[in-house]
mmCIF file of all heavy atoms, coordinates in Angstrom:
data_MODEL
# 
_entry.id   MODEL 
# 
loop_
_atom_site.group_PDB 
_atom_site.id 
_atom_site.type_symbol 
_atom_site.label_atom_id 
_atom_site.label_alt_id 
_atom_site.label_comp_id 
_atom_site.label_asym_id 
_atom_site.label_entity_id 
_atom_site.label_seq_id 
_atom_site.pdbx_PDB_ins_code 
_atom_site.Cartn_x 
_atom_site.Cartn_y 
_atom_site.Cartn_z 
_atom_site.occupancy 
_atom_site.B_iso_or_equiv 
_atom_site.pdbx_formal_charge 
_atom_site.auth_seq_id 
_atom_site.auth_comp_id 
_atom_site.auth_asym_id 
_atom_site.auth_atom_id 
_atom_site.pdbx_PDB_model_num 
ATOM 1   N N   . ASP A 1 1  ? 116.689 87.831 111.789 1.00 0.00 ? 1  ASP A N   1 
ATOM 2   C CA  . ASP A 1 1  ? 116.849 86.800 112.801 1.00 0.00 ? 1  ASP A CA  1 
ATOM 3   C C   . ASP A 1 1  ? 117.030 87.409 114.213 1.00 0.00 ? 1  ASP A C   1 
ATOM 4   O O   . ASP A 1 1  ? 116.564 86.988 115.255 1.00 0.00 ? 1  ASP A O   1 
ATOM 5   C CB  . ASP A 1 1  ? 117.985 85.750 112.511 1.00 0.00 ? 1  ASP A CB  1 
ATOM 6   C CG  . ASP A 1 1  ? 117.662 84.920 111.348 1.00 0.00 ? 1  ASP A CG  1 
ATOM 7   O OD1 . ASP A 1 1  ? 116.381 84.714 111.073 1.00 0.00 ? 1  ASP A OD1 1 
ATOM 8   O OD2 . ASP A 1 1  ? 118.507 84.411 110.751 1.00 0.00 ? 1  ASP A OD2 1 
ATOM 9   N N   . ALA A 1 2  ? 117.846 88.490 114.288 1.00 0.00 ? 2  ALA A N   1 
ATOM 10  C CA  . ALA A 1 2  ? 118.165 89.208 115.587 1.00 0.00 ? 2  ALA A CA  1 
ATOM 11  C C   . ALA A 1 2  ? 116.834 89.724 116.117 1.00 0.00 ? 2  ALA A C   1 
ATOM 12  O O   . ALA A 1 2  ? 116.614 89.743 117.336 1.00 0.00 ? 2  ALA A O   1 
ATOM 13  C CB  . ALA A 1 2  ? 119.257 90.150 115.402 1.00 0.00 ? 2  ALA A CB  1 
ATOM 14  N N   . VAL A 1 3  ? 116.175 90.332 115.235 1.00 0.00 ? 3  VAL A N   1 
ATOM 15  C CA  . VAL A 1 3  ? 114.867 90.982 115.633 1.00 0.00 ? 3  VAL A CA  1 
ATOM 16  C C   . VAL A 1 3  ? 113.875 89.881 116.211 1.00 0.00 ? 3  VAL A C   1 
ATOM 17  O O   . VAL A 1 3  ? 113.258 90.148 117.199 1.00 0.00 ? 3  VAL A O   1 
ATOM 18  C CB  . VAL A 1 3  ? 114.181 91.749 114.426 1.00 0.00 ? 3  VAL A CB  1 
ATOM 19  C CG1 . VAL A 1 3  ? 112.734 92.223 114.786 1.00 0.00 ? 3  VAL A CG1 1 
ATOM 20  C CG2 . VAL A 1 3  ? 115.113 92.884 114.029 1.00 0.00 ? 3  VAL A CG2 1 
ATOM 21  N N   . ARG A 1 4  ? 113.785 88.735 115.508 1.00 0.00 ? 4  ARG A N   1 
ATOM 22  C CA  . ARG A 1 4  ? 112.892 87.729 115.938 1.00 0.00 ? 4  ARG A CA  1 
ATOM 23  C C   . ARG A 1 4  ? 113.323 87.133 117.303 1.00 0.00 ? 4  ARG A C   1 
ATOM 24  O O   . ARG A 1 4  ? 112.581 86.931 118.236 1.00 0.00 ? 4  ARG A O   1 
ATOM 25  C CB  . ARG A 1 4  ? 112.891 86.613 114.828 1.00 0.00 ? 4  ARG A CB  1 
ATOM 26  C CG  . ARG A 1 4  ? 112.128 86.858 113.706 1.00 0.00 ? 4  ARG A CG  1 
ATOM 27  C CD  . ARG A 1 4  ? 112.132 85.636 112.788 1.00 0.00 ? 4  ARG A CD  1 
ATOM 28  N NE  . ARG A 1 4  ? 111.693 85.949 111.395 1.00 0.00 ? 4  ARG A NE  1 
ATOM 29  C CZ  . ARG A 1 4  ? 110.463 86.044 111.026 1.00 0.00 ? 4  ARG A CZ  1 
ATOM 30  N NH1 . ARG A 1 4  ? 109.498 85.822 111.869 1.00 0.00 ? 4  ARG A NH1 1 
ATOM 31  N NH2 . ARG A 1 4  ? 110.106 86.318 109.829 1.00 0.00 ? 4  ARG A NH2 1 
ATOM 32  N N   . GLN A 1 5  ? 114.659 86.995 117.451 1.00 0.00 ? 5  GLN A N   1 
ATOM 33  C CA  . GLN A 1 5  ? 115.217 86.425 118.700 1.00 0.00 ? 5  GLN A CA  1 
ATOM 34  C C   . GLN A 1 5  ? 114.931 87.366 119.879 1.00 0.00 ? 5  GLN A C   1 
ATOM 35  O O   . GLN A 1 5  ? 114.544 86.980 121.016 1.00 0.00 ? 5  GLN A O   1 
ATOM 36  C CB  . GLN A 1 5  ? 116.727 86.158 118.607 1.00 0.00 ? 5  GLN A CB  1 
ATOM 37  C CG  . GLN A 1 5  ? 117.286 85.634 119.786 1.00 0.00 ? 5  GLN A CG  1 
ATOM 38  C CD  . GLN A 1 5  ? 118.756 85.296 119.711 1.00 0.00 ? 5  GLN A CD  1 
ATOM 39  O OE1 . GLN A 1 5  ? 119.356 85.537 118.627 1.00 0.00 ? 5  GLN A OE1 1 
ATOM 40  N NE2 . GLN A 1 5  ? 119.397 84.645 120.648 1.00 0.00 ? 5  GLN A NE2 1 
ATOM 41  N N   . LYS A 1 6  ? 115.168 88.721 119.742 1.00 0.00 ? 6  LYS A N   1 
ATOM 42  C CA  . LYS A 1 6  ? 115.019 89.662 120.706 1.00 0.00 ? 6  LYS A CA  1 
ATOM 43  C C   . LYS A 1 6  ? 113.486 89.714 121.026 1.00 0.00 ? 6  LYS A C   1 
ATOM 44  O O   . LYS A 1 6  ? 113.067 89.994 122.303 1.00 0.00 ? 6  LYS A O   1 
ATOM 45  C CB  . LYS A 1 6  ? 115.609 90.934 120.355 1.00 0.00 ? 6  LYS A CB  1 
ATOM 46  C CG  . LYS A 1 6  ? 115.782 91.990 121.500 1.00 0.00 ? 6  LYS A CG  1 
ATOM 47  C CD  . LYS A 1 6  ? 116.740 91.336 122.470 1.00 0.00 ? 6  LYS A CD  1 
ATOM 48  C CE  . LYS A 1 6  ? 117.084 92.343 123.519 1.00 0.00 ? 6  LYS A CE  1 
ATOM 49  N NZ  . LYS A 1 6  ? 118.141 91.750 124.480 1.00 0.00 ? 6  LYS A NZ  1 
ATOM 50  N N   . ALA A 1 7  ? 112.706 89.702 120.067 1.00 0.00 ? 7  ALA A N   1 
ATOM 51  C CA  . ALA A 1 7  ? 111.183 89.689 120.319 1.00 0.00 ? 7  ALA A CA  1 
ATOM 52  C C   . ALA A 1 7  ? 110.780 88.572 121.168 1.00 0.00 ? 7  ALA A C   1 
ATOM 53  O O   . ALA A 1 7  ? 110.079 88.732 122.103 1.00 0.00 ? 7  ALA A O   1 
ATOM 54  C CB  . ALA A 1 7  ? 110.466 89.793 119.041 1.00 0.00 ? 7  ALA A CB  1 
ATOM 55  N N   . ALA A 1 8  ? 111.324 87.364 120.949 1.00 0.00 ? 8  ALA A N   1 
ATOM 56  C CA  . ALA A 1 8  ? 111.028 86.220 121.686 1.00 0.00 ? 8  ALA A CA  1 
ATOM 57  C C   . ALA A 1 8  ? 111.493 86.309 123.111 1.00 0.00 ? 8  ALA A C   1 
ATOM 58  O O   . ALA A 1 8  ? 110.739 85.911 124.036 1.00 0.00 ? 8  ALA A O   1 
ATOM 59  C CB  . ALA A 1 8  ? 111.591 84.852 120.980 1.00 0.00 ? 8  ALA A CB  1 
ATOM 60  N N   . GLU A 1 9  ? 112.719 86.845 123.299 1.00 0.00 ? 9  GLU A N   1 
ATOM 61  C CA  . GLU A 1 9  ? 113.212 87.040 124.628 1.00 0.00 ? 9  GLU A CA  1 
ATOM 62  C C   . GLU A 1 9  ? 112.415 87.961 125.466 1.00 0.00 ? 9  GLU A C   1 
ATOM 63  O O   . GLU A 1 9  ? 112.327 87.795 126.667 1.00 0.00 ? 9  GLU A O   1 
ATOM 64  C CB  . GLU A 1 9  ? 114.712 87.604 124.587 1.00 0.00 ? 9  GLU A CB  1 
ATOM 65  C CG  . GLU A 1 9  ? 115.717 86.634 124.089 1.00 0.00 ? 9  GLU A CG  1 
ATOM 66  C CD  . GLU A 1 9  ? 117.128 87.296 123.918 1.00 0.00 ? 9  GLU A CD  1 
ATOM 67  O OE1 . GLU A 1 9  ? 117.259 88.489 124.349 1.00 0.00 ? 9  GLU A OE1 1 
ATOM 68  O OE2 . GLU A 1 9  ? 117.932 86.731 123.398 1.00 0.00 ? 9  GLU A OE2 1 
ATOM 69  N N   . ASN A 1 10 ? 111.797 88.950 124.832 1.00 0.00 ? 10 ASN A N   1 
ATOM 70  C CA  . ASN A 1 10 ? 111.065 90.003 125.506 1.00 0.00 ? 10 ASN A CA  1 
ATOM 71  C C   . ASN A 1 10 ? 109.541 89.768 125.518 1.00 0.00 ? 10 ASN A C   1 
ATOM 72  O O   . ASN A 1 10 ? 108.726 90.622 125.956 1.00 0.00 ? 10 ASN A O   1 
ATOM 73  C CB  . ASN A 1 10 ? 111.370 91.402 125.046 1.00 0.00 ? 10 ASN A CB  1 
ATOM 74  C CG  . ASN A 1 10 ? 112.741 91.837 125.439 1.00 0.00 ? 10 ASN A CG  1 
ATOM 75  O OD1 . ASN A 1 10 ? 112.992 92.073 126.600 1.00 0.00 ? 10 ASN A OD1 1 
ATOM 76  N ND2 . ASN A 1 10 ? 113.600 91.938 124.445 1.00 0.00 ? 10 ASN A ND2 1 
ATOM 77  N N   . GLY A 1 11 ? 109.089 88.649 124.943 1.00 0.00 ? 11 GLY A N   1 
ATOM 78  C CA  . GLY A 1 11 ? 107.768 88.283 124.925 1.00 0.00 ? 11 GLY A CA  1 
ATOM 79  C C   . GLY A 1 11 ? 106.911 89.205 123.993 1.00 0.00 ? 11 GLY A C   1 
ATOM 80  O O   . GLY A 1 11 ? 105.713 89.440 124.208 1.00 0.00 ? 11 GLY A O   1 
ATOM 81  N N   . VAL A 1 12 ? 107.493 89.698 122.949 1.00 0.00 ? 12 VAL A N   1 
ATOM 82  C CA  . VAL A 1 12 ? 106.856 90.564 121.968 1.00 0.00 ? 12 VAL A CA  1 
ATOM 83  C C   . VAL A 1 12 ? 106.322 89.751 120.844 1.00 0.00 ? 12 VAL A C   1 
ATOM 84  O O   . VAL A 1 12 ? 107.112 88.992 120.188 1.00 0.00 ? 12 VAL A O   1 
ATOM 85  C CB  . VAL A 1 12 ? 107.803 91.606 121.414 1.00 0.00 ? 12 VAL A CB  1 
ATOM 86  C CG1 . VAL A 1 12 ? 107.109 92.488 120.421 1.00 0.00 ? 12 VAL A CG1 1 
ATOM 87  C CG2 . VAL A 1 12 ? 108.313 92.465 122.561 1.00 0.00 ? 12 VAL A CG2 1 
ATOM 88  N N   . SER A 1 13 ? 105.076 89.740 120.572 1.00 0.00 ? 13 SER A N   1 
ATOM 89  C CA  . SER A 1 13 ? 104.446 88.992 119.477 1.00 0.00 ? 13 SER A CA  1 
ATOM 90  C C   . SER A 1 13 ? 104.605 89.797 118.129 1.00 0.00 ? 13 SER A C   1 
ATOM 91  O O   . SER A 1 13 ? 104.338 90.913 118.062 1.00 0.00 ? 13 SER A O   1 
ATOM 92  C CB  . SER A 1 13 ? 102.981 88.780 119.708 1.00 0.00 ? 13 SER A CB  1 
ATOM 93  O OG  . SER A 1 13 ? 102.410 88.182 118.627 1.00 0.00 ? 13 SER A OG  1 
ATOM 94  N N   . LEU A 1 14 ? 105.160 89.045 117.156 1.00 0.00 ? 14 LEU A N   1 
ATOM 95  C CA  . LEU A 1 14 ? 105.321 89.582 115.869 1.00 0.00 ? 14 LEU A CA  1 
ATOM 96  C C   . LEU A 1 14 ? 104.228 89.256 114.840 1.00 0.00 ? 14 LEU A C   1 
ATOM 97  O O   . LEU A 1 14 ? 104.290 89.524 113.674 1.00 0.00 ? 14 LEU A O   1 
ATOM 98  C CB  . LEU A 1 14 ? 106.726 89.276 115.254 1.00 0.00 ? 14 LEU A CB  1 
ATOM 99  C CG  . LEU A 1 14 ? 107.914 89.583 116.098 1.00 0.00 ? 14 LEU A CG  1 
ATOM 100 C CD1 . LEU A 1 14 ? 109.171 89.058 115.478 1.00 0.00 ? 14 LEU A CD1 1 
ATOM 101 C CD2 . LEU A 1 14 ? 107.959 91.139 116.140 1.00 0.00 ? 14 LEU A CD2 1 
ATOM 102 N N   . LYS A 1 15 ? 103.207 88.608 115.321 1.00 0.00 ? 15 LYS A N   1 
ATOM 103 C CA  . LYS A 1 15 ? 102.078 88.167 114.473 1.00 0.00 ? 15 LYS A CA  1 
ATOM 104 C C   . LYS A 1 15 ? 101.243 89.384 114.279 1.00 0.00 ? 15 LYS A C   1 
ATOM 105 O O   . LYS A 1 15 ? 100.935 90.228 115.113 1.00 0.00 ? 15 LYS A O   1 
ATOM 106 C CB  . LYS A 1 15 ? 101.280 87.141 115.160 1.00 0.00 ? 15 LYS A CB  1 
ATOM 107 C CG  . LYS A 1 15 ? 101.973 85.794 115.331 1.00 0.00 ? 15 LYS A CG  1 
ATOM 108 C CD  . LYS A 1 15 ? 101.085 84.680 115.888 1.00 0.00 ? 15 LYS A CD  1 
ATOM 109 C CE  . LYS A 1 15 ? 101.953 83.443 116.059 1.00 0.00 ? 15 LYS A CE  1 
ATOM 110 N NZ  . LYS A 1 15 ? 101.084 82.379 116.615 1.00 0.00 ? 15 LYS A NZ  1 
ATOM 111 N N   . PRO A 1 16 ? 100.715 89.595 113.035 1.00 0.00 ? 16 PRO A N   1 
ATOM 112 C CA  . PRO A 1 16 ? 99.819  90.707 112.687 1.00 0.00 ? 16 PRO A CA  1 
ATOM 113 C C   . PRO A 1 16 ? 98.617  90.699 113.539 1.00 0.00 ? 16 PRO A C   1 
ATOM 114 O O   . PRO A 1 16 ? 98.007  89.577 113.600 1.00 0.00 ? 16 PRO A O   1 
ATOM 115 C CB  . PRO A 1 16 ? 99.519  90.485 111.225 1.00 0.00 ? 16 PRO A CB  1 
ATOM 116 C CG  . PRO A 1 16 ? 100.528 89.613 110.675 1.00 0.00 ? 16 PRO A CG  1 
ATOM 117 C CD  . PRO A 1 16 ? 101.000 88.745 111.882 1.00 0.00 ? 16 PRO A CD  1 
ATOM 118 N N   . THR A 1 17 ? 98.158  91.754 114.073 1.00 0.00 ? 17 THR A N   1 
ATOM 119 C CA  . THR A 1 17 ? 96.962  91.758 114.915 1.00 0.00 ? 17 THR A CA  1 
ATOM 120 C C   . THR A 1 17 ? 95.719  92.044 114.118 1.00 0.00 ? 17 THR A C   1 
ATOM 121 O O   . THR A 1 17 ? 94.625  91.840 114.623 1.00 0.00 ? 17 THR A O   1 
ATOM 122 C CB  . THR A 1 17 ? 97.077  92.939 116.024 1.00 0.00 ? 17 THR A CB  1 
ATOM 123 O OG1 . THR A 1 17 ? 97.339  94.182 115.281 1.00 0.00 ? 17 THR A OG1 1 
ATOM 124 C CG2 . THR A 1 17 ? 98.275  92.677 116.963 1.00 0.00 ? 17 THR A CG2 1 
ATOM 125 N N   . ASN A 1 18 ? 95.812  92.275 112.870 1.00 0.00 ? 18 ASN A N   1 
ATOM 126 C CA  . ASN A 1 18 ? 94.623  92.640 112.051 1.00 0.00 ? 18 ASN A CA  1 
ATOM 127 C C   . ASN A 1 18 ? 94.166  91.394 111.261 1.00 0.00 ? 18 ASN A C   1 
ATOM 128 O O   . ASN A 1 18 ? 93.330  91.597 110.327 1.00 0.00 ? 18 ASN A O   1 
ATOM 129 C CB  . ASN A 1 18 ? 94.976  93.865 111.131 1.00 0.00 ? 18 ASN A CB  1 
ATOM 130 C CG  . ASN A 1 18 ? 96.039  93.517 110.151 1.00 0.00 ? 18 ASN A CG  1 
ATOM 131 O OD1 . ASN A 1 18 ? 96.757  92.527 110.310 1.00 0.00 ? 18 ASN A OD1 1 
ATOM 132 N ND2 . ASN A 1 18 ? 96.290  94.465 109.254 1.00 0.00 ? 18 ASN A ND2 1 
ATOM 133 N N   . GLN A 1 19 ? 94.704  90.240 111.620 1.00 0.00 ? 19 GLN A N   1 
ATOM 134 C CA  . GLN A 1 19 ? 94.193  89.049 110.831 1.00 0.00 ? 19 GLN A CA  1 
ATOM 135 C C   . GLN A 1 19 ? 93.382  88.197 111.814 1.00 0.00 ? 19 GLN A C   1 
ATOM 136 O O   . GLN A 1 19 ? 93.710  87.977 112.956 1.00 0.00 ? 19 GLN A O   1 
ATOM 137 C CB  . GLN A 1 19 ? 95.417  88.356 110.226 1.00 0.00 ? 19 GLN A CB  1 
ATOM 138 C CG  . GLN A 1 19 ? 96.089  88.994 109.165 1.00 0.00 ? 19 GLN A CG  1 
ATOM 139 C CD  . GLN A 1 19 ? 97.218  88.219 108.658 1.00 0.00 ? 19 GLN A CD  1 
ATOM 140 O OE1 . GLN A 1 19 ? 97.543  87.142 109.040 1.00 0.00 ? 19 GLN A OE1 1 
ATOM 141 N NE2 . GLN A 1 19 ? 97.727  88.703 107.540 1.00 0.00 ? 19 GLN A NE2 1 
ATOM 142 N N   . SER A 1 20 ? 92.411  87.462 111.196 1.00 0.00 ? 20 SER A N   1 
ATOM 143 C CA  . SER A 1 20 ? 91.579  86.590 112.026 1.00 0.00 ? 20 SER A CA  1 
ATOM 144 C C   . SER A 1 20 ? 92.345  85.288 112.141 1.00 0.00 ? 20 SER A C   1 
ATOM 145 O O   . SER A 1 20 ? 93.000  84.795 111.337 1.00 0.00 ? 20 SER A O   1 
ATOM 146 C CB  . SER A 1 20 ? 90.279  86.227 111.196 1.00 0.00 ? 20 SER A CB  1 
ATOM 147 O OG  . SER A 1 20 ? 89.526  87.365 110.907 1.00 0.00 ? 20 SER A OG  1 
ATOM 148 N N   . PRO A 1 21 ? 92.136  84.600 113.310 1.00 0.00 ? 21 PRO A N   1 
ATOM 149 C CA  . PRO A 1 21 ? 92.802  83.329 113.596 1.00 0.00 ? 21 PRO A CA  1 
ATOM 150 C C   . PRO A 1 21 ? 92.126  82.269 112.777 1.00 0.00 ? 21 PRO A C   1 
ATOM 151 O O   . PRO A 1 21 ? 90.904  82.391 112.471 1.00 0.00 ? 21 PRO A O   1 
ATOM 152 C CB  . PRO A 1 21 ? 92.653  83.080 115.038 1.00 0.00 ? 21 PRO A CB  1 
ATOM 153 C CG  . PRO A 1 21 ? 91.520  83.969 115.420 1.00 0.00 ? 21 PRO A CG  1 
ATOM 154 C CD  . PRO A 1 21 ? 91.427  85.079 114.474 1.00 0.00 ? 21 PRO A CD  1 
ATOM 155 N N   . TYR A 1 22 ? 92.900  81.223 112.472 1.00 0.00 ? 22 TYR A N   1 
ATOM 156 C CA  . TYR A 1 22 ? 92.325  80.052 111.825 1.00 0.00 ? 22 TYR A CA  1 
ATOM 157 C C   . TYR A 1 22 ? 91.803  80.377 110.355 1.00 0.00 ? 22 TYR A C   1 
ATOM 158 O O   . TYR A 1 22 ? 90.883  79.627 109.955 1.00 0.00 ? 22 TYR A O   1 
ATOM 159 C CB  . TYR A 1 22 ? 91.295  79.231 112.590 1.00 0.00 ? 22 TYR A CB  1 
ATOM 160 C CG  . TYR A 1 22 ? 91.926  79.101 114.043 1.00 0.00 ? 22 TYR A CG  1 
ATOM 161 C CD1 . TYR A 1 22 ? 91.346  79.640 115.154 1.00 0.00 ? 22 TYR A CD1 1 
ATOM 162 C CD2 . TYR A 1 22 ? 92.999  78.294 114.244 1.00 0.00 ? 22 TYR A CD2 1 
ATOM 163 C CE1 . TYR A 1 22 ? 91.743  79.471 116.475 1.00 0.00 ? 22 TYR A CE1 1 
ATOM 164 C CE2 . TYR A 1 22 ? 93.401  78.078 115.519 1.00 0.00 ? 22 TYR A CE2 1 
ATOM 165 C CZ  . TYR A 1 22 ? 92.848  78.591 116.630 1.00 0.00 ? 22 TYR A CZ  1 
ATOM 166 O OH  . TYR A 1 22 ? 93.345  78.534 117.877 1.00 0.00 ? 22 TYR A OH  1 
ATOM 167 N N   . ASN A 1 23 ? 92.127  81.444 109.708 1.00 0.00 ? 23 ASN A N   1 
ATOM 168 C CA  . ASN A 1 23 ? 91.647  81.645 108.320 1.00 0.00 ? 23 ASN A CA  1 
ATOM 169 C C   . ASN A 1 23 ? 90.159  81.850 108.337 1.00 0.00 ? 23 ASN A C   1 
ATOM 170 O O   . ASN A 1 23 ? 89.621  81.520 107.301 1.00 0.00 ? 23 ASN A O   1 
ATOM 171 C CB  . ASN A 1 23 ? 92.158  80.562 107.512 1.00 0.00 ? 23 ASN A CB  1 
ATOM 172 C CG  . ASN A 1 23 ? 93.018  81.036 106.360 1.00 0.00 ? 23 ASN A CG  1 
ATOM 173 O OD1 . ASN A 1 23 ? 93.205  82.242 106.234 1.00 0.00 ? 23 ASN A OD1 1 
ATOM 174 N ND2 . ASN A 1 23 ? 93.522  80.152 105.551 1.00 0.00 ? 23 ASN A ND2 1 
ATOM 175 N N   . ARG A 1 24 ? 89.516  82.291 109.351 1.00 0.00 ? 24 ARG A N   1 
ATOM 176 C CA  . ARG A 1 24 ? 88.134  82.541 109.277 1.00 0.00 ? 24 ARG A CA  1 
ATOM 177 C C   . ARG A 1 24 ? 87.775  83.858 108.519 1.00 0.00 ? 24 ARG A C   1 
ATOM 178 O O   . ARG A 1 24 ? 88.399  84.855 108.694 1.00 0.00 ? 24 ARG A O   1 
ATOM 179 C CB  . ARG A 1 24 ? 87.594  82.728 110.687 1.00 0.00 ? 24 ARG A CB  1 
ATOM 180 C CG  . ARG A 1 24 ? 87.724  81.399 111.452 1.00 0.00 ? 24 ARG A CG  1 
ATOM 181 C CD  . ARG A 1 24 ? 87.122  81.617 112.866 1.00 0.00 ? 24 ARG A CD  1 
ATOM 182 N NE  . ARG A 1 24 ? 87.359  80.412 113.682 1.00 0.00 ? 24 ARG A NE  1 
ATOM 183 C CZ  . ARG A 1 24 ? 87.235  80.448 114.925 1.00 0.00 ? 24 ARG A CZ  1 
ATOM 184 N NH1 . ARG A 1 24 ? 86.759  81.380 115.567 1.00 0.00 ? 24 ARG A NH1 1 
ATOM 185 N NH2 . ARG A 1 24 ? 87.558  79.373 115.576 1.00 0.00 ? 24 ARG A NH2 1 
# 
C-alpha cells in the first residue's frame, strides 16, 4: 500500500507496459 501511495503521489504508473489495452 505504501508503494502504491508513493507511486500515485509522484505520478508513477504501476501498470504493466507490455500488455495491450482493452484486452485486444
